[in-house]
Amino acid sequence: MGLAFSAQLQKLKKKSWAVVSEIDTTGADGKTYSMVMIDRRTLLMWLANIDERKVKATGREKVVSCLAFRSSKSCLRNPVGSRSQ
């Protein structure tokens, strides 16, 4: 999406409204990887707090379209690029 993962994770961890969990998962290569999970409410609050002017130009359209989505369910079910126009 054109966002710095580490910076966004640190910001989320500081928010009282954010639900952030880290889980270990096993990849196809058999190695264990740490994965960050957030719930839907956290996702919506996080998206609403993104300053699209600070997003890389290559990912800005994705962020703006998620910020202006018709409903949270349609954006979550149909990621940008997979929707029929």
Protein backbone atom coordinates (compact mmCIF):
# COMPACT_ATOMS: atom_id res chain seq x y z
CA MET A 1 0.00 0.00 0.00
CA GLY A 2 2.99 2.30 0.07
CA LEU A 3 3.19 2.44 3.88
CA ALA A 4 6.13 1.67 6.15
CA PHE A 5 5.10 -1.45 8.07
CA SER A 6 7.29 -0.86 11.14
CA ALA A 7 6.18 2.74 11.56
CA GLN A 8 2.50 1.86 11.20
CA LEU A 9 2.82 -1.00 13.69
CA GLN A 10 4.49 1.26 16.27
CA LYS A 11 1.72 3.85 15.82
CA LEU A 12 -0.98 1.20 16.25
CA LYS A 13 0.62 -0.17 19.41
CA LYS A 14 0.37 3.31 20.97
CA LYS A 15 -3.36 3.74 20.25
CA SER A 16 -5.78 2.91 23.07
CA TRP A 17 -8.43 1.80 20.56
CA ALA A 18 -6.16 -0.58 18.65
CA VAL A 19 -6.32 -4.35 19.08
CA VAL A 20 -2.97 -5.72 17.87
CA SER A 21 -1.85 -9.32 18.24
CA GLU A 22 1.28 -11.03 17.06
CA ILE A 23 1.10 -14.73 16.20
CA ASP A 24 3.62 -17.22 14.91
CA THR A 25 2.78 -19.03 11.70
CA THR A 26 4.60 -21.61 9.61
CA GLY A 27 5.42 -20.78 6.02
CA ALA A 28 5.50 -23.19 3.08
CA ASP A 29 9.26 -23.41 3.59
CA GLY A 30 8.75 -24.83 7.11
CA LYS A 31 10.14 -21.72 8.82
CA THR A 32 8.28 -19.90 11.57
CA TYR A 33 7.27 -16.30 10.85
CA SER A 34 5.70 -13.68 13.10
CA MET A 35 2.47 -12.18 11.77
CA VAL A 36 0.58 -9.14 13.04
CA MET A 37 -3.21 -9.33 13.29
CA ILE A 38 -5.71 -6.50 13.84
CA ASP A 39 -9.47 -6.66 14.13
CA ARG A 40 -11.92 -4.96 11.76
CA ARG A 41 -12.56 -1.95 14.02
CA THR A 42 -8.83 -1.35 14.36
CA LEU A 43 -8.45 -1.64 10.60
CA LEU A 44 -11.14 0.98 10.00
CA MET A 45 -9.72 3.37 12.61
CA TRP A 46 -6.20 2.86 11.23
CA LEU A 47 -7.35 3.62 7.68
CA ALA A 48 -9.22 6.71 8.87
CA ASN A 49 -6.06 8.00 10.55
CA ILE A 50 -3.75 7.66 7.53
CA ASP A 51 -2.66 10.95 6.00
CA GLU A 52 -2.82 10.08 2.30
CA ARG A 53 -0.46 12.96 1.51
CA LYS A 54 2.31 11.03 3.28
CA VAL A 55 1.73 7.80 1.34
CA LYS A 56 4.03 6.94 -1.57
CA ALA A 57 2.47 7.89 -4.89
CA THR A 58 2.47 4.25 -6.02
CA GLY A 59 0.16 3.22 -3.15
CA ARG A 60 -1.87 6.39 -2.72
CA GLU A 61 -4.75 5.26 -4.96
CA LYS A 62 -5.21 2.09 -2.91
CA VAL A 63 -5.25 4.00 0.36
CA VAL A 64 -7.62 6.71 -0.90
CA SER A 65 -10.01 4.14 -2.35
CA CYS A 66 -10.12 2.30 0.98
CA LEU A 67 -10.68 5.59 2.82
CA ALA A 68 -13.56 6.46 0.51
CA PHE A 69 -15.04 2.98 0.20
CA ARG A 70 -18.80 2.60 -0.13
CA SER A 71 -19.00 0.30 2.88
CA SER A 72 -16.39 -1.33 5.09
CA LYS A 73 -17.57 -4.77 4.03
CA SER A 74 -17.16 -4.09 0.30
CA CYS A 75 -13.62 -2.80 0.78
CA LEU A 76 -12.62 -5.72 2.98
CA ARG A 77 -14.15 -8.36 0.71
CA ASN A 78 -12.94 -6.86 -2.58
CA PRO A 79 -9.43 -5.47 -2.35
CA VAL A 80 -8.49 -2.68 -4.72
CA GLY A 81 -7.61 -4.05 -8.13
CA SER A 82 -9.97 -7.01 -7.89
CA ARG A 83 -13.19 -5.00 -8.18
CA SER A 84 -14.92 -4.89 -11.51
CA GLN A 85 -15.32 -1.32 -12.73
